[in-house]
Structure formats: structure tokens, C-alpha cells
PDB file of N, CA and C in Angstrom:
ATOM      1  N   MET A   1     101.239  58.746 107.471  1.00  0.00           N
ATOM      2  CA  MET A   1      99.592  59.108 107.278  1.00  0.00           C
ATOM      3  C   MET A   1      99.358  60.602 107.767  1.00  0.00           C
ATOM      4  N   LYS A   2      99.858  60.315 108.559  1.00  0.00           N
ATOM      5  CA  LYS A   2      99.595  61.622 109.633  1.00  0.00           C
ATOM      6  C   LYS A   2     100.423  63.200 109.053  1.00  0.00           C
ATOM      7  N   LYS A   3     101.717  62.668 108.509  1.00  0.00           N
ATOM      8  CA  LYS A   3     102.337  63.147 108.315  1.00  0.00           C
ATOM      9  C   LYS A   3     102.077  63.949 107.027  1.00  0.00           C
ATOM     10  N   ASN A   4     101.158  63.245 105.984  1.00  0.00           N
ATOM     11  CA  ASN A   4     100.616  63.866 104.785  1.00  0.00           C
ATOM     12  C   ASN A   4      99.618  64.943 105.318  1.00  0.00           C
ATOM     13  N   THR A   5      98.880  64.627 106.126  1.00  0.00           N
ATOM     14  CA  THR A   5      97.211  65.282 106.768  1.00  0.00           C
ATOM     15  C   THR A   5      98.205  66.717 106.936  1.00  0.00           C
ATOM     16  N   ASN A   6      99.422  66.686 107.673  1.00  0.00           N
ATOM     17  CA  ASN A   6      99.908  68.028 108.132  1.00  0.00           C
ATOM     18  C   ASN A   6     100.727  68.808 107.372  1.00  0.00           C
ATOM     19  N   ALA A   7     101.037  68.070 106.143  1.00  0.00           N
ATOM     20  CA  ALA A   7     101.539  68.779 104.938  1.00  0.00           C
ATOM     21  C   ALA A   7     100.396  69.410 104.070  1.00  0.00           C
ATOM     22  N   LYS A   8      99.299  68.622 104.046  1.00  0.00           N
ATOM     23  CA  LYS A   8      98.275  69.205 103.409  1.00  0.00           C
ATOM     24  C   LYS A   8      97.844  70.551 104.229  1.00  0.00           C
ATOM     25  N   GLU A   9      97.606  70.384 105.471  1.00  0.00           N
ATOM     26  CA  GLU A   9      97.181  71.457 106.486  1.00  0.00           C
ATOM     27  C   GLU A   9      97.928  72.766 106.301  1.00  0.00           C
ATOM     28  N   GLU A  10      99.365  72.451 106.180  1.00  0.00           N
ATOM     29  CA  GLU A  10     100.361  73.770 106.038  1.00  0.00           C
ATOM     30  C   GLU A  10     100.158  74.008 104.602  1.00  0.00           C
ATOM     31  N   LEU A  11      99.808  73.721 103.600  1.00  0.00           N
ATOM     32  CA  LEU A  11      99.927  73.907 102.406  1.00  0.00           C
ATOM     33  C   LEU A  11      98.760  75.020 102.189  1.00  0.00           C
ATOM     34  N   VAL A  12      97.622  74.185 103.176  1.00  0.00           N
ATOM     35  CA  VAL A  12      96.327  75.082 102.808  1.00  0.00           C
ATOM     36  C   VAL A  12      96.195  76.186 103.495  1.00  0.00           C
ATOM     37  N   ASN A  13      96.997  76.387 104.643  1.00  0.00           N
ATOM     38  CA  ASN A  13      97.227  77.582 105.446  1.00  0.00           C
ATOM     39  C   ASN A  13      98.022  78.594 104.563  1.00  0.00           C
ATOM     40  N   MET A  14      98.880  78.229 104.075  1.00  0.00           N
ATOM     41  CA  MET A  14      99.728  78.758 103.390  1.00  0.00           C
ATOM     42  C   MET A  14      99.347  79.721 102.228  1.00  0.00           C
ATOM     43  N   LEU A  15      98.441  78.780 101.426  1.00  0.00           N
ATOM     44  CA  LEU A  15      97.876  79.192 100.487  1.00  0.00           C
ATOM     45  C   LEU A  15      96.910  80.291 100.868  1.00  0.00           C
ATOM     46  N   SER A  16      95.950  80.093 101.724  1.00  0.00           N
ATOM     47  CA  SER A  16      95.025  80.905 102.751  1.00  0.00           C
ATOM     48  C   SER A  16      95.665  81.888 103.098  1.00  0.00           C
ATOM     49  N   GLU A  17      96.890  82.035 103.538  1.00  0.00           N
ATOM     50  CA  GLU A  17      97.448  83.516 103.657  1.00  0.00           C
ATOM     51  C   GLU A  17      98.194  84.161 102.240  1.00  0.00           C
ATOM     52  N   ILE A  18      98.258  83.524 101.142  1.00  0.00           N
ATOM     53  CA  ILE A  18      98.819  84.339 100.047  1.00  0.00           C
ATOM     54  C   ILE A  18      97.649  84.839  99.837  1.00  0.00           C
ATOM     55  N   TYR A  19      96.227  84.022  99.709  1.00  0.00           N
ATOM     56  CA  TYR A  19      95.180  84.812  99.609  1.00  0.00           C
ATOM     57  C   TYR A  19      94.673  86.121  99.858  1.00  0.00           C
ATOM     58  N   GLN A  20      95.101  86.135 101.234  1.00  0.00           N
ATOM     59  CA  GLN A  20      94.950  87.258 102.096  1.00  0.00           C
ATOM     60  C   GLN A  20      95.587  88.181 101.647  1.00  0.00           C
ATOM     61  N   GLN A  21      96.874  88.163 101.567  1.00  0.00           N
ATOM     62  CA  GLN A  21      97.907  88.963 101.588  1.00  0.00           C
ATOM     63  C   GLN A  21      97.550  89.576  99.485  1.00  0.00           C
ATOM     64  N   LEU A  22      97.243  88.745  98.537  1.00  0.00           N
ATOM     65  CA  LEU A  22      96.617  89.164  97.542  1.00  0.00           C
ATOM     66  C   LEU A  22      95.389  90.376  97.707  1.00  0.00           C
ATOM     67  N   GLU A  23      94.514  90.073  98.477  1.00  0.00           N
ATOM     68  CA  GLU A  23      93.112  91.054  98.468  1.00  0.00           C
ATOM     69  C   GLU A  23      93.724  91.703  99.251  1.00  0.00           C
ATOM     70  N   GLU A  24      94.567  92.168  99.995  1.00  0.00           N
ATOM     71  CA  GLU A  24      94.995  93.309 100.556  1.00  0.00           C
ATOM     72  C   GLU A  24      95.670  94.154  99.596  1.00  0.00           C
ATOM     73  N   LEU A  25      96.685  93.366  98.572  1.00  0.00           N
ATOM     74  CA  LEU A  25      97.317  94.292  97.756  1.00  0.00           C
ATOM     75  C   LEU A  25      96.706  94.724  96.589  1.00  0.00           C
ATOM     76  N   GLU A  26      95.453  93.658  96.030  1.00  0.00           N
ATOM     77  CA  GLU A  26      94.393  94.537  95.246  1.00  0.00           C
ATOM     78  C   GLU A  26      93.859  95.994  95.643  1.00  0.00           C
ATOM     79  N   ASN A  27      93.394  95.931  96.802  1.00  0.00           N
ATOM     80  CA  ASN A  27      93.039  96.835  97.664  1.00  0.00           C
ATOM     81  C   ASN A  27      93.521  98.141  97.246  1.00  0.00           C
ATOM     82  N   VAL A  28      94.886  97.980  97.991  1.00  0.00           N
ATOM     83  CA  VAL A  28      95.995  99.064  97.953  1.00  0.00           C
ATOM     84  C   VAL A  28      95.985  99.644  96.400  1.00  0.00           C
ATOM     85  N   LEU A  29      96.269  98.400  95.445  1.00  0.00           N
ATOM     86  CA  LEU A  29      96.403  99.112  93.728  1.00  0.00           C
ATOM     87  C   LEU A  29      95.195  99.693  93.811  1.00  0.00           C
ATOM     88  N   ASP A  30      94.113  99.019  93.627  1.00  0.00           N
ATOM     89  CA  ASP A  30      92.770  99.944  93.592  1.00  0.00           C
ATOM     90  C   ASP A  30      92.704 101.189  93.823  1.00  0.00           C
ATOM     91  N   SER A  31      93.344 101.570  95.403  1.00  0.00           N
ATOM     92  CA  SER A  31      93.176 102.659  96.045  1.00  0.00           C
ATOM     93  C   SER A  31      94.138 103.820  95.210  1.00  0.00           C
ATOM     94  N   ASN A  32      95.453 103.135  95.118  1.00  0.00           N
ATOM     95  CA  ASN A  32      96.282 103.966  94.233  1.00  0.00           C
ATOM     96  C   ASN A  32      96.121 104.140  93.127  1.00  0.00           C
ATOM     97  N   PHE A  33      95.438 103.543  91.823  1.00  0.00           N
ATOM     98  CA  PHE A  33      95.247 103.834  91.072  1.00  0.00           C
ATOM     99  C   PHE A  33      94.245 104.918  90.743  1.00  0.00           C
ATOM    100  N   SER A  34      93.393 104.325  91.670  1.00  0.00           N
ATOM    101  CA  SER A  34      92.144 105.460  91.561  1.00  0.00           C
ATOM    102  C   SER A  34      92.143 106.919  91.937  1.00  0.00           C
ATOM    103  N   SER A  35      93.547 107.258  92.837  1.00  0.00           N
ATOM    104  CA  SER A  35      93.960 108.406  93.351  1.00  0.00           C
ATOM    105  C   SER A  35      94.407 108.816  91.851  1.00  0.00           C
ATOM    106  N   ILE A  36      95.244 108.099  91.240  1.00  0.00           N
ATOM    107  CA  ILE A  36      96.206 108.570  89.903  1.00  0.00           C
ATOM    108  C   ILE A  36      95.030 108.998  88.855  1.00  0.00           C
ATOM    109  N   ARG A  37      93.853 107.801  88.846  1.00  0.00           N
ATOM    110  CA  ARG A  37      92.943 108.367  87.574  1.00  0.00           C
ATOM    111  C   ARG A  37      92.390 109.751  87.960  1.00  0.00           C
ATOM    112  N   ASN A  38      92.199 109.922  89.291  1.00  0.00           N
ATOM    113  CA  ASN A  38      91.544 111.069  89.457  1.00  0.00           C
ATOM    114  C   ASN A  38      92.460 112.160  89.316  1.00  0.00           C
ATOM    115  N   HIS A  39      93.434 112.161  89.309  1.00  0.00           N
ATOM    116  CA  HIS A  39      94.529 113.201  89.214  1.00  0.00           C
ATOM    117  C   HIS A  39      94.741 113.327  87.660  1.00  0.00           C
ATOM    118  N   TRP A  40      94.918 112.515  87.142  1.00  0.00           N
ATOM    119  CA  TRP A  40      94.897 112.840  85.233  1.00  0.00           C
ATOM    120  C   TRP A  40      93.714 113.248  84.931  1.00  0.00           C
ATOM    121  N   GLN A  41      92.500 112.760  85.798  1.00  0.00           N
ATOM    122  CA  GLN A  41      91.291 113.333  84.769  1.00  0.00           C
ATOM    123  C   GLN A  41      91.123 115.278  85.277  1.00  0.00           C
ATOM    124  N   ASP A  42      91.815 115.295  86.698  1.00  0.00           N
ATOM    125  CA  ASP A  42      91.887 116.894  86.853  1.00  0.00           C
ATOM    126  C   ASP A  42      92.809 117.896  85.944  1.00  0.00           C
ATOM    127  N   GLN A  43      93.677 116.929  85.891  1.00  0.00           N
ATOM    128  CA  GLN A  43      95.179 117.391  84.699  1.00  0.00           C
ATOM    129  C   GLN A  43      94.449 117.569  83.072  1.00  0.00           C
ATOM    130  N   TYR A  44      93.360 116.492  82.836  1.00  0.00           N
ATOM    131  CA  TYR A  44      92.872 116.926  81.542  1.00  0.00           C
ATOM    132  C   TYR A  44      91.822 117.706  81.392  1.00  0.00           C
ATOM    133  N   THR A  45      91.226 118.048  82.619  1.00  0.00           N
ATOM    134  CA  THR A  45      90.019 118.908  82.424  1.00  0.00           C
ATOM    135  C   THR A  45      90.465 120.384  82.183  1.00  0.00           C
ATOM    136  N   ASP A  46      91.959 120.534  83.532  1.00  0.00           N
ATOM    137  CA  ASP A  46      92.361 121.883  83.353  1.00  0.00           C
ATOM    138  C   ASP A  46      93.316 122.095  81.923  1.00  0.00           C
ATOM    139  N   GLN A  47      93.708 120.940  81.100  1.00  0.00           N
ATOM    140  CA  GLN A  47      94.221 121.312  79.959  1.00  0.00           C
ATOM    141  C   GLN A  47      93.053 121.920  78.796  1.00  0.00           C
ATOM    142  N   LEU A  48      91.892 120.802  78.855  1.00  0.00           N
ATOM    143  CA  LEU A  48      90.467 121.091  78.099  1.00  0.00           C
ATOM    144  C   LEU A  48      90.077 122.779  78.128  1.00  0.00           C
ATOM    145  N   SER A  49      90.628 123.380  79.805  1.00  0.00           N
ATOM    146  CA  SER A  49      89.736 124.627  79.996  1.00  0.00           C
ATOM    147  C   SER A  49      90.684 125.635  78.857  1.00  0.00           C
ATOM    148  N   VAL A  50      91.971 125.266  79.475  1.00  0.00           N
ATOM    149  CA  VAL A  50      92.974 126.090  78.892  1.00  0.00           C
ATOM    150  C   VAL A  50      92.619 126.305  77.243  1.00  0.00           C
ATOM    151  N   CYS A  51      92.661 125.361  76.544  1.00  0.00           N
ATOM    152  CA  CYS A  51      92.424 125.079  75.388  1.00  0.00           C
ATOM    153  C   CYS A  51      91.022 125.775  74.924  1.00  0.00           C
ATOM    154  N   ASP A  52      89.780 125.558  75.714  1.00  0.00           N
ATOM    155  CA  ASP A  52      88.727 126.231  75.272  1.00  0.00           C
ATOM    156  C   ASP A  52      88.602 127.742  75.239  1.00  0.00           C
ATOM    157  N   SER A  53      89.333 128.229  76.388  1.00  0.00           N
ATOM    158  CA  SER A  53      89.542 129.709  76.438  1.00  0.00           C
ATOM    159  C   SER A  53      90.595 130.228  75.388  1.00  0.00           C
ATOM    160  N   LYS A  54      91.520 129.332  75.037  1.00  0.00           N
ATOM    161  CA  LYS A  54      92.299 130.103  73.672  1.00  0.00           C
ATOM    162  C   LYS A  54      91.264 129.930  72.794  1.00  0.00           C
ATOM    163  N   LEU A  55      91.072 128.831  72.252  1.00  0.00           N
ATOM    164  CA  LEU A  55      90.272 128.631  70.987  1.00  0.00           C
ATOM    165  C   LEU A  55      88.709 129.902  70.863  1.00  0.00           C
ATOM    166  N   ASP A  56      88.284 129.957  72.260  1.00  0.00           N
ATOM    167  CA  ASP A  56      87.678 131.205  72.291  1.00  0.00           C
ATOM    168  C   ASP A  56      88.024 132.543  71.743  1.00  0.00           C
ATOM    169  N   LEU A  57      89.395 132.642  72.241  1.00  0.00           N
ATOM    170  CA  LEU A  57      89.880 133.997  72.011  1.00  0.00           C
ATOM    171  C   LEU A  57      90.172 133.961  70.365  1.00  0.00           C
ATOM    172  N   LEU A  58      90.512 133.073  69.653  1.00  0.00           N
ATOM    173  CA  LEU A  58      90.862 132.877  68.274  1.00  0.00           C
ATOM    174  C   LEU A  58      89.692 132.900  67.704  1.00  0.00           C
ATOM    175  N   GLU A  59      88.459 132.650  67.782  1.00  0.00           N
ATOM    176  CA  GLU A  59      87.073 132.682  67.699  1.00  0.00           C
ATOM    177  C   GLU A  59      86.582 134.065  67.528  1.00  0.00           C
ATOM    178  N   ARG A  60      86.764 134.786  68.469  1.00  0.00           N
ATOM    179  CA  ARG A  60      86.791 136.393  68.469  1.00  0.00           C
ATOM    180  C   ARG A  60      87.529 137.045  67.557  1.00  0.00           C
ATOM    181  N   GLU A  61      88.555 137.042  67.393  1.00  0.00           N
ATOM    182  CA  GLU A  61      89.658 137.363  67.095  1.00  0.00           C
ATOM    183  C   GLU A  61      89.618 137.157  65.487  1.00  0.00           C
ATOM    184  N   THR A  62      88.830 136.269  65.045  1.00  0.00           N
ATOM    185  CA  THR A  62      88.862 135.697  63.872  1.00  0.00           C
ATOM    186  C   THR A  62      87.137 136.520  63.097  1.00  0.00           C
ATOM    187  N   MET A  63      86.236 136.503  64.072  1.00  0.00           N
ATOM    188  CA  MET A  63      85.030 137.207  63.717  1.00  0.00           C
ATOM    189  C   MET A  63      84.904 138.231  63.752  1.00  0.00           C
ATOM    190  N   ARG A  64      86.106 138.831  64.592  1.00  0.00           N
ATOM    191  CA  ARG A  64      86.076 140.734  64.866  1.00  0.00           C
ATOM    192  C   ARG A  64      87.372 140.973  63.148  1.00  0.00           C
ATOM    193  N   GLN A  65      88.168 140.413  62.678  1.00  0.00           N
ATOM    194  CA  GLN A  65      88.459 140.306  61.570  1.00  0.00           C
ATOM    195  C   GLN A  65      87.652 140.300  60.520  1.00  0.00           C
ATOM    196  N   VAL A  66      86.980 139.392  60.228  1.00  0.00           N
ATOM    197  CA  VAL A  66      85.973 138.855  59.420  1.00  0.00           C
ATOM    198  C   VAL A  66      84.706 140.319  59.515  1.00  0.00           C
ATOM    199  N   ASN A  67      84.412 140.818  60.601  1.00  0.00           N
ATOM    200  CA  ASN A  67      83.435 141.868  60.534  1.00  0.00           C
ATOM    201  C   ASN A  67      84.124 143.523  60.490  1.00  0.00           C
ATOM    202  N   GLY A  68      85.219 143.569  59.793  1.00  0.00           N
ATOM    203  CA  GLY A  68      85.924 144.836  59.506  1.00  0.00           C
ATOM    204  C   GLY A  68      86.189 145.245  60.892  1.00  0.00           C
ATOM    205  N   ASN A  69      86.658 144.746  61.520  1.00  0.00           N
ATOM    206  CA  ASN A  69      87.487 144.934  63.102  1.00  0.00           C
ATOM    207  C   ASN A  69      86.488 145.608  63.792  1.00  0.00           C
ATOM    208  N   LYS A  70      84.998 145.154  64.015  1.00  0.00           N
ATOM    209  CA  LYS A  70      84.118 145.361  64.932  1.00  0.00           C
ATOM    210  C   LYS A  70      84.384 144.123  65.851  1.00  0.00           C
ATOM    211  N   PRO A  71      83.757 144.512  67.131  1.00  0.00           N
ATOM    212  CA  PRO A  71      83.598 143.610  67.938  1.00  0.00           C
ATOM    213  C   PRO A  71      82.573 142.490  67.773  1.00  0.00           C
ATOM    214  N   ALA A  72      83.128 141.200  68.099  1.00  0.00           N
ATOM    215  CA  ALA A  72      82.038 140.382  67.810  1.00  0.00           C
ATOM    216  C   ALA A  72      80.600 140.271  68.690  1.00  0.00           C
ATOM    217  N   ASP A  73      79.471 140.354  67.881  1.00  0.00           N
ATOM    218  CA  ASP A  73      78.405 140.015  68.898  1.00  0.00           C
ATOM    219  C   ASP A  73      78.030 138.923  69.297  1.00  0.00           C
ATOM    220  N   LYS A  74      77.543 138.671  70.184  1.00  0.00           N
ATOM    221  CA  LYS A  74      77.036 137.018  70.659  1.00  0.00           C
ATOM    222  C   LYS A  74      76.155 136.592  69.590  1.00  0.00           C
ATOM    223  N   GLU A  75      75.179 137.673  69.103  1.00  0.00           N
ATOM    224  CA  GLU A  75      74.304 137.041  68.067  1.00  0.00           C
ATOM    225  C   GLU A  75      75.153 136.828  66.633  1.00  0.00           C
ATOM    226  N   THR A  76      75.988 137.537  66.425  1.00  0.00           N
ATOM    227  CA  THR A  76      76.905 137.134  65.091  1.00  0.00           C
ATOM    228  C   THR A  76      77.505 135.978  65.233  1.00  0.00           C
ATOM    229  N   PHE A  77      77.944 135.573  65.994  1.00  0.00           N
ATOM    230  CA  PHE A  77      78.536 134.143  66.482  1.00  0.00           C
ATOM    231  C   PHE A  77      78.356 133.642  67.233  1.00  0.00           C
ATOM    232  N   GLN A  78      77.706 132.097  67.437  1.00  0.00           N
ATOM    233  CA  GLN A  78      77.024 131.786  68.383  1.00  0.00           C
ATOM    234  C   GLN A  78      77.712 130.421  68.491  1.00  0.00           C
ATOM    235  N   ARG A  79      78.452 129.806  69.719  1.00  0.00           N
ATOM    236  CA  ARG A  79      78.771 128.565  69.615  1.00  0.00           C
ATOM    237  C   ARG A  79      77.729 127.515  70.026  1.00  0.00           C
ATOM    238  N   SER A  80      77.458 126.127  69.408  1.00  0.00           N
ATOM    239  CA  SER A  80      76.860 125.498  69.422  1.00  0.00           C
ATOM    240  C   SER A  80      77.253 124.848  71.001  1.00  0.00           C
ATOM    241  N   PRO A  81      76.219 124.138  71.591  1.00  0.00           N
ATOM    242  CA  PRO A  81      76.382 123.413  72.831  1.00  0.00           C
ATOM    243  C   PRO A  81      77.760 122.484  72.436  1.00  0.00           C
ATOM    244  N   GLY A  82      77.948 121.888  73.499  1.00  0.00           N
ATOM    245  CA  GLY A  82      79.248 120.861  73.440  1.00  0.00           C
ATOM    246  C   GLY A  82      78.080 119.330  73.019  1.00  0.00           C
ATOM    247  N   ILE A  83      79.033 118.347  72.091  1.00  0.00           N
ATOM    248  CA  ILE A  83      78.322 117.593  71.422  1.00  0.00           C
ATOM    249  C   ILE A  83      78.559 116.454  72.928  1.00  0.00           C
ATOM    250  N   LYS A  84      77.254 115.763  72.758  1.00  0.00           N
ATOM    251  CA  LYS A  84      77.226 114.805  73.978  1.00  0.00           C
ATOM    252  C   LYS A  84      77.537 113.194  73.254  1.00  0.00           C
ATOM    253  N   LEU A  85      78.306 112.713  73.603  1.00  0.00           N
ATOM    254  CA  LEU A  85      78.721 111.545  73.321  1.00  0.00           C
ATOM    255  C   LEU A  85      78.238 110.185  73.845  1.00  0.00           C
ATOM    256  N   GLU A  86      78.070 109.423  73.254  1.00  0.00           N
ATOM    257  CA  GLU A  86      77.231 107.933  74.020  1.00  0.00           C
ATOM    258  C   GLU A  86      77.937 106.783  73.271  1.00  0.00           C
ATOM    259  N   LEU A  87      78.039 105.521  74.299  1.00  0.00           N
ATOM    260  CA  LEU A  87      78.758 104.796  74.122  1.00  0.00           C
ATOM    261  C   LEU A  87      78.108 103.738  73.830  1.00  0.00           C
ATOM    262  N   GLY A  88      77.775 102.992  72.829  1.00  0.00           N
ATOM    263  CA  GLY A  88      76.708 101.661  72.821  1.00  0.00           C
ATOM    264  C   GLY A  88      77.507 100.614  72.840  1.00  0.00           C
ATOM    265  N   TYR A  89      77.116  99.464  73.388  1.00  0.00           N
ATOM    266  CA  TYR A  89      77.511  97.926  73.511  1.00  0.00           C
ATOM    267  C   TYR A  89      76.699  96.936  72.710  1.00  0.00           C
ATOM    268  N   LYS A  90      77.220  96.313  72.009  1.00  0.00           N
ATOM    269  CA  LYS A  90      76.444  95.453  71.207  1.00  0.00           C
ATOM    270  C   LYS A  90      76.567  94.222  71.822  1.00  0.00           C
ATOM    271  N   LEU A  91      75.784  93.606  72.199  1.00  0.00           N
ATOM    272  CA  LEU A  91      75.689  92.148  73.075  1.00  0.00           C
ATOM    273  C   LEU A  91      75.366  90.688  71.777  1.00  0.00           C
ATOM    274  N   HIS A  92      76.272  89.922  71.860  1.00  0.00           N
ATOM    275  CA  HIS A  92      75.847  88.758  70.760  1.00  0.00           C
ATOM    276  C   HIS A  92      75.676  87.743  71.421  1.00  0.00           C
TER     277      HIS A  92
END
């Protein structure tokens, strides 16, 4: 009987130790993924900025050609402000 109790206690101790190790691993993974996510977000923002500036140059060149090689005025061509997107969740 005492042998069963000791085996059960050992098993509980081993499971507790595994649980603690899994919690530590979860924290490390969360930290690493967070930094990777931030890095990807920064890269994406940089890529969008480059695309935005290239698109702006193309728009100005197009307006210059449409206006007969006159420089494009801000009033002639005005970019609309960015679109704000919202996500909605429907609960059932």
C-alpha cells in the first residue's frame, strides 16, 4: 500500500515538474513570437511606405501627362484619406 502511495506521489511530482517546464516554454515561445511578429510588422510597414511613395510618383507623373506636361497641382489631384477598416464579429 505504501509502495502505491509513493509511486503516486512520484507521478504527481513528475507531472507538476512537466507542467512547470511547459509554462516556461510557453513564456519563451510567446516572447520569441512577439519579437518576430513585431519584426514582420516593421518590415511590412517599410514595404508599404516604399509602395506608397512609388505610387505617389506614378500618380504625379500621370497627372503631369494628363495636364499637358504641366506640374500637377494639389487641387487638381487630391488623394482621399486612407480607408479605415473595421472587423466585426457576429456571436451566435
